[in-house]
Protein backbone atom coordinates (compact mmCIF):
# COMPACT_ATOMS: atom_id res chain seq x y z
CA MET A 1 8.41 8.81 -12.45
CA ILE A 2 7.84 10.25 -9.40
CA GLY A 3 10.83 11.59 -6.85
CA LEU A 4 11.22 8.07 -3.97
CA THR A 5 9.63 9.95 -1.23
CA ARG A 6 6.62 10.32 -3.31
CA ARG A 7 7.13 6.37 -3.23
CA ALA A 8 7.55 5.72 -0.05
CA LEU A 9 4.66 7.47 1.39
CA LEU A 10 2.58 4.72 -1.82
CA LEU A 11 3.49 2.14 0.39
CA SER A 12 1.06 2.58 2.78
CA GLY A 13 -2.21 2.77 1.86
CA VAL A 14 0.27 0.30 -0.04
CA ALA A 15 6.18 -3.26 -0.61
CA ALA A 16 13.00 -6.34 -3.76
CA ALA A 17 13.06 -9.75 -5.16
CA ILE A 18 15.72 -11.43 -7.37
CA GLY A 19 18.83 -11.27 -6.55
CA PRO A 20 20.97 -8.99 -5.61
CA MET A 21 17.15 -6.89 -5.03
CA LEU A 22 15.62 -9.56 -2.96
CA PRO A 23 14.48 -7.93 0.70
CA VAL A 24 16.45 -9.19 3.92
CA ARG A 25 16.44 -9.41 7.50
CA ALA A 26 19.00 -10.79 9.53
CA GLU A 27 16.99 -13.34 11.05
CA THR A 28 14.93 -15.92 9.97
CA ASN A 29 11.84 -14.12 8.42
CA SER A 30 8.79 -14.69 10.49
CA PRO A 31 5.48 -13.95 10.73
CA LEU A 32 6.28 -10.37 10.61
CA ASP A 33 8.42 -10.01 8.72
CA GLN A 34 7.00 -12.74 5.51
CA PRO A 35 4.38 -10.12 3.60
CA LEU A 36 6.43 -7.98 3.43
CA LEU A 37 8.87 -9.48 1.95
CA ASP A 38 6.35 -10.89 -0.59
CA LEU A 39 4.66 -7.07 -0.45
CA TYR A 40 8.60 -6.08 -1.81
CA THR A 41 9.00 -8.49 -3.84
CA ALA A 42 6.17 -7.90 -5.80
CA LEU A 43 6.72 -4.45 -6.46
CA GLU A 44 10.29 -5.39 -7.75
CA ALA A 45 9.57 -6.84 -10.41
CA ALA A 46 6.65 -4.20 -10.96
CA MET A 47 9.26 -2.09 -11.22
CA ARG A 48 11.50 -4.39 -13.29
CA ALA A 49 8.65 -5.43 -16.01
CA GLY A 50 7.74 -1.44 -16.02
CA ARG A 51 6.12 1.09 -18.27
CA THR A 52 6.58 -1.57 -21.57
CA THR A 53 4.34 -4.27 -20.02
CA PRO A 54 0.40 -3.17 -20.31
CA PHE A 55 -1.02 -1.38 -16.84
CA ALA A 56 -3.24 -4.35 -16.91
CA GLN A 57 -1.50 -7.11 -17.23
CA ARG A 58 1.12 -5.54 -13.90
CA PHE A 59 -2.20 -4.61 -12.26
CA ASP A 60 -3.35 -8.36 -12.69
CA ALA A 61 0.13 -9.04 -11.15
CA LEU A 62 0.05 -6.92 -8.28
CA ALA A 63 -3.00 -7.97 -6.30
CA PRO A 64 -3.63 -10.71 -4.76
CA VAL A 65 -0.39 -9.64 -3.33
CA VAL A 66 -2.12 -6.37 -2.33
CA ASP A 67 -5.30 -8.44 -1.17
CA GLN A 68 -2.77 -10.42 0.78
CA VAL A 69 -0.61 -8.05 2.54
CA PHE A 70 -3.21 -5.85 3.34
CA ASP A 71 -6.04 -5.26 5.23
CA LEU A 72 -8.02 -2.57 3.01
CA GLU A 73 -11.33 -3.66 5.33
CA THR A 74 -9.56 -1.64 7.98
CA VAL A 75 -7.71 0.80 6.27
CA LEU A 76 -10.78 1.78 4.83
CA LYS A 77 -12.93 1.56 7.84
CA VAL A 78 -10.84 4.14 9.66
CA SER A 79 -9.93 6.17 6.71
CA VAL A 80 -13.81 6.95 5.62
CA GLY A 81 -14.43 7.23 10.23
CA LEU A 82 -18.14 6.36 11.78
CA ARG A 83 -20.06 7.23 8.19
CA TRP A 84 -18.79 2.90 7.87
CA ASP A 85 -20.72 2.09 10.51
CA GLY A 86 -23.59 3.37 9.13
CA MET A 87 -23.57 2.64 5.62
CA ASP A 88 -25.61 -0.05 3.55
CA PRO A 89 -23.67 -2.98 2.98
CA ASP A 90 -23.78 -2.59 -0.56
CA VAL A 91 -22.52 0.76 -0.38
CA ARG A 92 -19.93 0.01 1.76
CA SER A 93 -19.34 -3.48 -0.01
CA ARG A 94 -19.20 -0.82 -3.78
CA LEU A 95 -16.91 0.74 -1.46
CA LEU A 96 -14.51 -1.30 -0.56
CA ARG A 97 -13.92 -2.65 -4.48
CA ALA A 98 -13.13 1.04 -5.34
CA PHE A 99 -10.66 1.68 -2.98
CA ARG A 100 -8.65 -1.83 -4.13
CA ARG A 101 -8.30 -0.64 -7.78
CA PHE A 102 -7.16 2.60 -6.60
CA THR A 103 -4.67 1.06 -4.09
CA VAL A 104 -3.50 -1.34 -6.51
CA ALA A 105 -3.48 1.17 -9.21
CA THR A 106 -1.40 3.70 -7.07
CA TYR A 107 0.86 1.01 -7.41
CA VAL A 108 1.34 0.25 -10.43
CA ALA A 109 1.55 3.95 -12.25
CA ASN A 110 4.03 4.98 -9.58
CA PHE A 111 6.74 1.89 -9.19
CA ASP A 112 7.02 1.74 -12.69
CA LYS A 113 10.70 2.31 -13.42
CA TYR A 114 13.42 0.09 -11.40
CA ASP A 115 16.45 3.29 -10.10
CA GLY A 116 18.38 0.78 -8.53
CA GLU A 117 16.58 1.23 -5.34
CA ARG A 118 17.40 -1.85 -2.46
CA PHE A 119 14.48 -2.71 0.50
CA GLN A 120 15.11 -4.54 3.89
CA VAL A 121 13.23 -5.63 6.58
CA LEU A 122 14.43 -4.76 10.23
CA PRO A 123 15.71 -6.92 12.77
CA GLU A 124 13.03 -5.09 15.59
CA SER A 125 9.57 -4.41 15.99
CA ARG A 126 7.97 -2.87 18.49
CA ASP A 127 4.68 -2.88 20.06
CA SER A 128 1.43 -0.38 19.63
CA GLY A 129 -1.25 -1.20 21.53
CA ALA A 130 -2.42 -4.49 20.39
CA ASP A 131 -0.42 -4.67 16.74
CA ARG A 132 3.54 -4.88 16.21
CA VAL A 133 5.45 -2.09 14.41
CA VAL A 134 7.91 -3.44 11.73
CA GLY A 135 10.79 -1.52 10.45
CA THR A 136 12.09 -1.39 7.13
CA GLU A 137 14.34 1.00 5.17
CA ILE A 138 14.61 2.27 1.56
CA VAL A 139 18.21 2.43 0.66
CA LYS A 140 18.33 4.25 -3.25
CA ALA A 141 21.44 3.84 -5.19
CA ASP A 142 23.57 6.67 -3.66
CA GLY A 143 23.21 5.02 -0.16
CA GLU A 144 20.51 7.32 0.98
CA ARG A 145 18.07 5.89 3.28
CA ILE A 146 14.61 5.96 3.79
CA ARG A 147 12.64 4.91 7.09
CA LEU A 148 9.62 3.09 6.49
CA ASP A 149 8.01 1.13 9.71
CA TYR A 150 4.64 -1.45 9.23
CA VAL A 151 1.62 -1.38 11.27
CA MET A 152 1.03 -4.85 11.67
CA ARG A 153 -2.45 -6.72 12.83
CA ASN A 154 -3.01 -10.19 14.13
CA GLY A 155 -6.35 -11.32 12.20
CA ASN A 156 -7.69 -15.03 12.95
CA GLY A 157 -3.41 -15.52 12.80
CA ILE A 158 -2.65 -13.77 9.66
CA TRP A 159 -0.27 -10.46 10.56
CA ARG A 160 -1.53 -7.79 7.71
CA VAL A 161 -0.92 -4.62 7.42
CA VAL A 162 -3.03 -1.16 8.45
CA ASP A 163 -0.78 1.07 8.63
CA VAL A 164 2.15 2.55 7.33
CA LEU A 165 4.24 5.07 8.51
CA LEU A 166 7.36 7.36 6.80
CA ASP A 167 10.21 8.06 8.93
CA GLY A 168 7.84 6.14 12.01
CA SER A 169 5.90 9.29 12.24
CA ILE A 170 3.89 9.94 9.13
CA SER A 171 0.41 7.86 9.13
CA ARG A 172 -0.23 7.26 5.21
CA VAL A 173 -4.55 6.47 7.02
CA ALA A 174 -3.69 9.64 9.02
CA VAL A 175 -3.41 11.67 5.58
CA GLN A 176 -6.18 9.44 3.70
CA ARG A 177 -8.45 10.10 5.70
CA SER A 178 -8.20 13.91 6.15
CA ASP A 179 -8.70 13.20 2.24
CA PHE A 180 -11.96 11.26 2.38
CA ARG A 181 -13.54 13.25 4.82
CA LYS A 182 -13.44 16.51 2.84
CA ILE A 183 -15.14 14.76 0.32
CA LEU A 184 -17.54 13.24 2.29
CA ALA A 185 -18.30 16.80 3.99
CA GLY A 186 -19.40 17.66 0.89
CA GLY A 187 -21.36 14.32 -0.32
CA ASP A 188 -22.17 10.33 0.52
CA ALA A 189 -20.19 8.14 -0.64
CA ASP A 190 -20.85 7.88 -3.65
CA ALA A 191 -19.27 10.92 -4.26
CA LEU A 192 -16.41 9.33 -2.76
CA ILE A 193 -16.89 5.96 -5.14
CA VAL A 194 -16.40 8.42 -7.80
CA SER A 195 -13.95 10.32 -7.18
CA LEU A 196 -11.60 6.75 -6.38
CA HIS A 197 -13.29 5.86 -10.26
CA ARG A 198 -11.49 9.20 -11.74
CA LYS A 199 -8.82 8.70 -10.05
CA ILE A 200 -8.70 4.88 -11.49
CA ALA A 201 -8.88 6.13 -14.48
CA ASP A 202 -5.61 8.80 -13.99
CA LEU A 203 -3.03 6.32 -12.27
CA SER A 204 -4.08 4.06 -15.84
CA ASP A 205 -4.19 6.36 -18.29
CA GLY A 206 -8.25 4.99 -19.21
CA ALA A 207 -6.80 1.47 -18.52
CA LEU A 208 -9.08 0.01 -16.32
CA ASN A 209 -12.69 0.32 -15.77
CA SER A 210 -13.80 1.34 -12.93
């Protein structure tokens, strides 16, 4: 089981639900809030299901919410950088499929136990160019609070997450971009796909096929 700080970092890439864990905001839920409430609800369910529920079953439950909440293609494009536009469409498609499975598997593997956390969306947001940044907190059972800001982008009238900032400044996409570009510097897109497949297998203890 990982620590809560690492959990917070993973909320970018890649978030409580029933009863007292329901994510709350003081005002009526806005189009900016709802995706985050949905994500937190799904993660709460995954945490409560825990390791006694098969990994593939938890993956299948969480994947549609990740698809809905995150603009994974934009996240991947930014993480890959200039090479993205020059890739063959089939290569981009294969890379996106691997990245999606890696993202969902990461959440499933690391949100596998409920430790009394409480998630809340804060009654504030700010502009970041054309995007909006929405603040949230993870509140541990002992009262410690971890701040997570979600960068939201409007595409065709739908707000989706394109980055997560730990403590309001540490960009998960920037960290991922550094990792991906190191792999791409030593090989082509297939090298990154192979790396993602290997990580998926490790995260799921072999429960997921590439």
